[in-house]
Amino acid sequence: MDFHTLDVFTDQPYSGNPLAVVLGADDLSTNQMQKIAREFNLSETIFVLASKTPAHTAKVRIFHPAGELPFAGHPTIGCAILLAEMANTGDFNVTITLEEMAGLVPVNVSRKGTDISAEFTAPVIPFAFEGGKISDDMAAAALGLLAEDIGFDSHQLSNLQGGPTFLFVPVASRAALAKAQVVNPAFQKFTKAAKNDSVYVYCRNENGFSARMFAPAHGMPEYPATGAASAIFAAQLLKAGELTEGSNVFLLGQGQDMGRPSQIGLSADLALGKITAVKIKGAAVRVSTGKITVLPLES
């Protein structure tokens, strides 16, 4: 089967978040898709299937090495850019509509010269949910930090959902963010208590926010860029009083501490104190193309 790999949320190869896109995946079983995702061993692999609705570009399924996701940002951006480039030449501004498990995701893709980017509206408005009882001390122990490193201004620990779920941990400085790491068994105790195994750690910077995302239970100790977490981050910003009425735009940096810098654009619309839309924007660059062997169906 044909595949491509792209680096997403960057315009430079060998930075950003790598993605595998497998084309023509209609006849693959869930088990086959999972095995292929495990073979690529990237944070996510997206499988492109034919849509039964002519107005939609494709149906897609997204897998990380240990399971399937209803929605993820960097596969959405990367896949949309690839499909747009394969269908168009020269400069263009098109809409790629992807059917994802979480819902329909239209993606606006534009290219002018060598510059290409994509922006989508998150299919689910992010919201808070009740996890287990957690504390700053637990978060600090889980990440190899001090209790005083946790939190800044009005930013506090929280569990948020918008399709997938993330546990948001604000830290007081860029130095604390750089120092953060998964420390077991404290990390496992922390995520089990929170009932959430994806930990998004962030701090303020001069341009917006810097972040890291740890999810060892998904088969990836750390993610260089996380579009879904960035979309759900809008709800964390609302809780912290960072959003004002109208459109709010932020630049999120991720992956710097992995040597794979990423830039993610986040827009959040607020009306009467409630989030009405969240958009994620980023670039992607193709790195490789080839064919992958598919195991028999009974495998």
Protein backbone atom coordinates (compact mmCIF):
# COMPACT_ATOMS: atom_id res chain seq x y z
CA MET A 1 0.00 0.00 0.00
CA ASP A 2 1.14 3.55 -0.70
CA PHE A 3 2.15 5.77 2.19
CA HIS A 4 3.68 9.17 2.81
CA THR A 5 5.31 10.63 5.89
CA LEU A 6 5.15 14.30 6.76
CA ASP A 7 6.50 16.51 9.50
CA VAL A 8 3.57 18.52 10.85
CA PHE A 9 3.34 21.91 12.58
CA THR A 10 6.55 22.95 10.88
CA ASP A 11 7.80 23.95 7.43
CA GLN A 12 11.20 22.35 8.02
CA PRO A 13 11.92 18.62 7.52
CA TYR A 14 13.08 16.72 10.61
CA SER A 15 11.27 19.02 13.01
CA GLY A 16 7.65 19.17 14.12
CA ASN A 17 5.63 15.99 14.69
CA PRO A 18 6.13 13.09 12.23
CA LEU A 19 3.02 11.56 10.68
CA ALA A 20 2.40 8.53 8.47
CA VAL A 21 -0.49 8.68 5.99
CA VAL A 22 -1.61 5.37 4.46
CA LEU A 23 -3.70 5.77 1.30
CA GLY A 24 -6.43 3.48 -0.06
CA ALA A 25 -7.05 1.79 3.29
CA ASP A 26 -10.66 0.74 2.63
CA ASP A 27 -10.01 -3.00 2.84
CA LEU A 28 -7.91 -2.94 6.00
CA SER A 29 -9.29 -4.32 9.26
CA THR A 30 -8.89 -2.51 12.56
CA ASN A 31 -6.29 -5.08 13.57
CA GLN A 32 -4.29 -4.49 10.38
CA MET A 33 -4.39 -0.72 10.90
CA GLN A 34 -3.19 -1.10 14.47
CA LYS A 35 -0.30 -3.31 13.38
CA ILE A 36 0.73 -0.85 10.68
CA ALA A 37 0.59 2.04 13.17
CA ARG A 38 2.76 0.02 15.53
CA GLU A 39 5.20 -0.66 12.67
CA PHE A 40 5.57 3.05 11.89
CA ASN A 41 5.81 3.67 15.65
CA LEU A 42 5.06 7.38 15.24
CA SER A 43 2.81 9.34 17.56
CA GLU A 44 -0.02 8.83 15.03
CA THR A 45 -0.73 7.13 11.72
CA ILE A 46 -3.79 8.16 9.69
CA PHE A 47 -5.55 5.83 7.25
CA VAL A 48 -7.42 7.33 4.30
CA LEU A 49 -10.62 5.62 3.09
CA ALA A 50 -13.12 6.60 0.42
CA SER A 51 -16.06 8.68 1.60
CA LYS A 52 -19.56 7.53 0.67
CA THR A 53 -20.60 11.19 0.55
CA PRO A 54 -19.43 12.96 -2.63
CA ALA A 55 -19.21 16.32 -0.83
CA HIS A 56 -16.62 14.93 1.60
CA THR A 57 -13.00 14.36 0.64
CA ALA A 58 -12.31 11.19 2.63
CA LYS A 59 -13.10 9.10 5.65
CA VAL A 60 -10.10 8.67 7.98
CA ARG A 61 -9.12 6.60 10.99
CA ILE A 62 -6.33 7.62 13.35
CA PHE A 63 -4.16 5.28 15.42
CA HIS A 64 -1.31 5.71 17.86
CA PRO A 65 0.93 2.69 18.57
CA ALA A 66 -1.39 1.43 21.32
CA GLY A 67 -4.91 2.25 20.11
CA GLU A 68 -7.32 4.31 18.02
CA LEU A 69 -8.21 8.00 18.51
CA PRO A 70 -11.56 9.65 17.70
CA PHE A 71 -9.76 12.84 16.64
CA ALA A 72 -6.24 14.24 16.57
CA GLY A 73 -4.92 17.54 15.33
CA HIS A 74 -1.60 16.78 13.71
CA PRO A 75 -2.97 13.90 11.57
CA THR A 76 -5.83 16.18 10.48
CA ILE A 77 -3.44 18.96 9.42
CA GLY A 78 -0.92 16.66 7.75
CA CYS A 79 -3.46 14.51 5.92
CA ALA A 80 -5.39 17.53 4.64
CA ILE A 81 -2.24 19.18 3.30
CA LEU A 82 -1.15 15.96 1.58
CA LEU A 83 -4.55 15.39 -0.07
CA ALA A 84 -4.74 19.04 -1.17
CA GLU A 85 -1.26 18.92 -2.70
CA MET A 86 -2.02 15.67 -4.51
CA ALA A 87 -5.17 17.17 -6.05
CA ASN A 88 -3.91 20.67 -6.93
CA THR A 89 -1.01 22.41 -8.64
CA GLY A 90 0.28 25.95 -8.25
CA ASP A 91 -1.25 28.28 -5.68
CA PHE A 92 -4.59 27.21 -4.23
CA ASN A 93 -7.10 27.73 -1.43
CA VAL A 94 -9.32 24.67 -0.96
CA THR A 95 -11.40 22.89 1.68
CA ILE A 96 -10.58 19.28 2.52
CA THR A 97 -13.44 17.66 4.44
CA LEU A 98 -12.46 14.68 6.59
CA GLU A 99 -14.89 12.28 8.25
CA GLU A 100 -13.34 11.46 11.64
CA MET A 101 -14.74 9.34 14.44
CA ALA A 102 -15.37 12.50 16.49
CA GLY A 103 -17.27 14.15 13.65
CA LEU A 104 -16.89 15.99 10.36
CA VAL A 105 -13.75 18.16 10.15
CA PRO A 106 -13.49 20.69 7.27
CA VAL A 107 -9.90 21.86 6.79
CA ASN A 108 -9.00 24.99 4.83
CA VAL A 109 -5.68 24.43 3.02
CA SER A 110 -3.88 27.24 1.21
CA ARG A 111 -0.62 27.38 -0.71
CA LYS A 112 1.11 30.47 -2.05
CA GLY A 113 4.50 29.83 -3.57
CA THR A 114 6.37 27.54 -1.18
CA ASP A 115 4.23 28.49 1.83
CA ILE A 116 1.45 26.05 2.72
CA SER A 117 -0.76 25.86 5.79
CA ALA A 118 -3.99 24.32 6.97
CA GLU A 119 -6.57 25.38 9.55
CA PHE A 120 -9.48 23.39 10.96
CA THR A 121 -12.26 24.03 13.43
CA ALA A 122 -12.26 21.49 16.27
CA PRO A 123 -15.27 19.14 15.99
CA VAL A 124 -15.98 19.36 19.75
CA ILE A 125 -16.05 22.46 21.97
CA PRO A 126 -13.66 21.68 24.86
CA PHE A 127 -15.01 21.44 28.39
CA ALA A 128 -13.94 20.49 31.90
CA PHE A 129 -14.72 17.10 33.39
CA GLU A 130 -14.28 15.61 36.82
CA GLY A 131 -11.22 13.43 37.19
CA GLY A 132 -9.92 12.03 40.45
CA LYS A 133 -8.45 13.96 43.34
CA ILE A 134 -5.04 15.37 42.45
CA SER A 135 -2.68 17.95 43.95
CA ASP A 136 0.28 20.14 43.05
CA ASP A 137 2.49 17.85 45.12
CA MET A 138 1.41 14.84 43.06
CA ALA A 139 2.01 16.70 39.80
CA ALA A 140 5.45 17.84 40.93
CA ALA A 141 6.51 14.32 41.96
CA ALA A 142 5.22 12.89 38.67
CA LEU A 143 7.30 15.35 36.64
CA GLY A 144 10.45 15.56 38.77
CA LEU A 145 9.67 19.14 39.86
CA LEU A 146 9.08 21.04 43.08
CA ALA A 147 5.58 21.85 44.35
CA GLU A 148 6.30 25.57 43.92
CA ASP A 149 6.94 24.95 40.21
CA ILE A 150 3.29 24.01 39.68
CA GLY A 151 0.88 26.78 38.70
CA PHE A 152 1.23 30.45 37.82
CA ASP A 153 -1.08 33.45 37.89
CA SER A 154 -4.60 31.92 37.85
CA HIS A 155 -3.54 28.77 35.98
CA GLN A 156 -4.20 25.57 37.93
CA LEU A 157 -4.34 21.81 37.33
CA SER A 158 -7.39 20.67 35.37
CA ASN A 159 -8.88 17.78 33.40
CA LEU A 160 -10.35 18.84 30.06
CA GLN A 161 -12.05 17.07 27.19
CA GLY A 162 -12.84 17.81 23.55
CA GLY A 163 -12.97 14.37 21.98
CA PRO A 164 -9.79 13.08 23.64
CA THR A 165 -8.93 14.11 27.20
CA PHE A 166 -5.86 15.84 28.59
CA LEU A 167 -4.61 16.69 32.05
CA PHE A 168 -3.25 20.25 31.98
CA VAL A 169 -0.34 21.11 34.28
CA PRO A 170 0.83 24.76 34.33
CA VAL A 171 4.41 25.37 35.46
CA ALA A 172 5.87 28.65 36.62
CA SER A 173 8.91 28.95 34.36
CA ARG A 174 10.52 27.83 31.11
CA ALA A 175 13.27 26.23 33.19
CA ALA A 176 10.72 24.08 35.00
CA LEU A 177 9.17 23.06 31.68
CA ALA A 178 12.58 22.04 30.32
CA LYS A 179 13.30 20.02 33.46
CA ALA A 180 9.96 18.16 33.43
CA GLN A 181 10.12 14.41 32.77
CA VAL A 182 8.14 11.26 33.45
CA VAL A 183 9.10 9.94 36.88
CA ASN A 184 7.61 6.56 37.76
CA PRO A 185 5.90 5.29 39.82
CA ALA A 186 4.81 8.82 40.74
CA PHE A 187 3.66 9.59 37.17
CA GLN A 188 1.53 6.44 37.04
CA LYS A 189 0.04 7.27 40.45
CA PHE A 190 -0.74 10.83 39.30
CA THR A 191 -2.44 9.82 36.03
CA LYS A 192 -4.35 7.00 37.70
CA ALA A 193 -5.68 9.39 40.35
CA ALA A 194 -6.60 11.93 37.66
CA LYS A 195 -8.24 9.23 35.51
CA ASN A 196 -6.30 10.71 32.58
CA ASP A 197 -3.08 9.41 31.05
CA SER A 198 -2.21 12.34 28.72
CA VAL A 199 -0.34 15.11 30.56
CA TYR A 200 0.08 18.52 28.88
CA VAL A 201 2.63 20.67 30.71
CA TYR A 202 2.93 24.34 29.78
CA CYS A 203 4.25 27.76 30.76
CA ARG A 204 3.94 31.29 29.48
CA ASN A 205 6.55 32.66 27.07
CA GLU A 206 7.15 35.99 25.34
CA ASN A 207 5.08 34.97 22.28
CA GLY A 208 2.30 32.94 23.92
CA PHE A 209 2.87 29.59 25.58
CA SER A 210 5.43 26.77 25.48
CA ALA A 211 4.30 23.20 26.08
CA ARG A 212 5.27 19.55 26.36
CA MET A 213 2.93 16.56 26.22
CA PHE A 214 3.67 13.23 27.93
CA ALA A 215 1.61 10.10 27.18
CA PRO A 216 3.71 6.96 27.77
CA ALA A 217 0.56 4.83 28.03
CA HIS A 218 -0.05 5.56 24.31
CA GLY A 219 3.34 4.14 23.39
CA MET A 220 4.93 7.59 23.01
CA PRO A 221 6.80 9.01 26.02
CA GLU A 222 6.54 12.56 24.61
CA TYR A 223 4.85 14.21 21.61
CA PRO A 224 6.61 16.96 19.61
CA ALA A 225 3.30 18.65 18.74
CA THR A 226 -0.28 17.92 19.79
CA GLY A 227 -3.04 19.61 17.83
CA ALA A 228 -5.93 18.12 19.79
CA ALA A 229 -4.39 19.16 23.11
CA SER A 230 -3.80 22.63 21.67
CA ALA A 231 -7.49 22.90 20.75
CA ILE A 232 -8.60 21.75 24.20
CA PHE A 233 -6.09 24.18 25.73
CA ALA A 234 -8.61 26.90 24.83
CA ALA A 235 -10.79 25.71 27.73
CA GLN A 236 -7.80 25.93 30.07
CA LEU A 237 -7.19 29.50 28.93
CA LEU A 238 -10.86 30.31 29.56
CA LYS A 239 -10.65 28.91 33.11
CA ALA A 240 -7.54 31.01 33.73
CA GLY A 241 -9.19 34.21 32.51
CA GLU A 242 -6.97 34.55 29.44
CA LEU A 243 -9.82 34.88 26.89
CA THR A 244 -11.78 38.02 26.07
CA GLU A 245 -14.99 38.47 24.07
CA GLY A 246 -14.45 37.94 20.36
CA SER A 247 -11.54 36.18 18.69
CA ASN A 248 -8.40 35.28 20.67
CA VAL A 249 -5.22 34.18 18.89
CA PHE A 250 -2.24 32.45 20.51
CA LEU A 251 1.02 30.93 19.28
CA LEU A 252 1.96 27.66 20.97
CA GLY A 253 5.49 26.27 20.86
CA GLN A 254 6.09 22.58 21.48
CA GLY A 255 8.85 20.06 20.83
CA GLN A 256 11.79 22.37 21.54
CA ASP A 257 13.01 20.18 24.39
CA MET A 258 12.96 17.16 22.05
CA GLY A 259 14.95 18.85 19.30
CA ARG A 260 11.84 18.95 17.09
CA PRO A 261 10.47 22.50 17.39
CA SER A 262 6.82 22.98 16.39
CA GLN A 263 4.59 26.02 15.97
CA ILE A 264 0.83 25.69 16.47
CA GLY A 265 -1.67 28.49 15.87
CA LEU A 266 -4.66 28.51 18.24
CA SER A 267 -7.75 30.69 17.77
CA ALA A 268 -10.60 30.69 20.27
CA ASP A 269 -13.86 32.59 19.80
CA LEU A 270 -15.67 33.72 22.94
CA ALA A 271 -19.28 34.96 23.11
CA LEU A 272 -21.04 35.81 26.37
CA GLY A 273 -18.30 34.07 28.33
CA LYS A 274 -18.53 30.79 26.42
CA ILE A 275 -16.24 29.29 23.78
CA THR A 276 -18.11 29.08 20.48
CA ALA A 277 -15.32 27.86 18.18
CA VAL A 278 -11.73 26.69 18.38
CA LYS A 279 -9.39 26.62 15.38
CA ILE A 280 -5.95 25.08 14.96
CA LYS A 281 -3.51 26.18 12.24
CA GLY A 282 -0.19 24.76 11.09
CA ALA A 283 2.08 23.80 8.23
CA ALA A 284 3.44 20.44 7.09
CA VAL A 285 6.23 19.23 4.84
CA ARG A 286 6.56 15.88 3.08
CA VAL A 287 9.59 13.79 4.04
CA SER A 288 9.19 10.34 2.46
CA THR A 289 6.96 8.20 0.29
CA GLY A 290 6.85 4.48 -0.36
CA LYS A 291 4.94 1.23 -0.05
CA ILE A 292 4.24 -0.83 3.05
CA THR A 293 3.55 -4.57 3.12
CA VAL A 294 0.11 -5.49 4.46
CA LEU A 295 -0.31 -8.67 6.49
CA PRO A 296 -3.14 -11.07 5.55
CA LEU A 297 -6.56 -10.29 7.02
CA GLU A 298 -6.44 -13.21 9.42
CA SER A 299 -3.34 -11.72 11.03
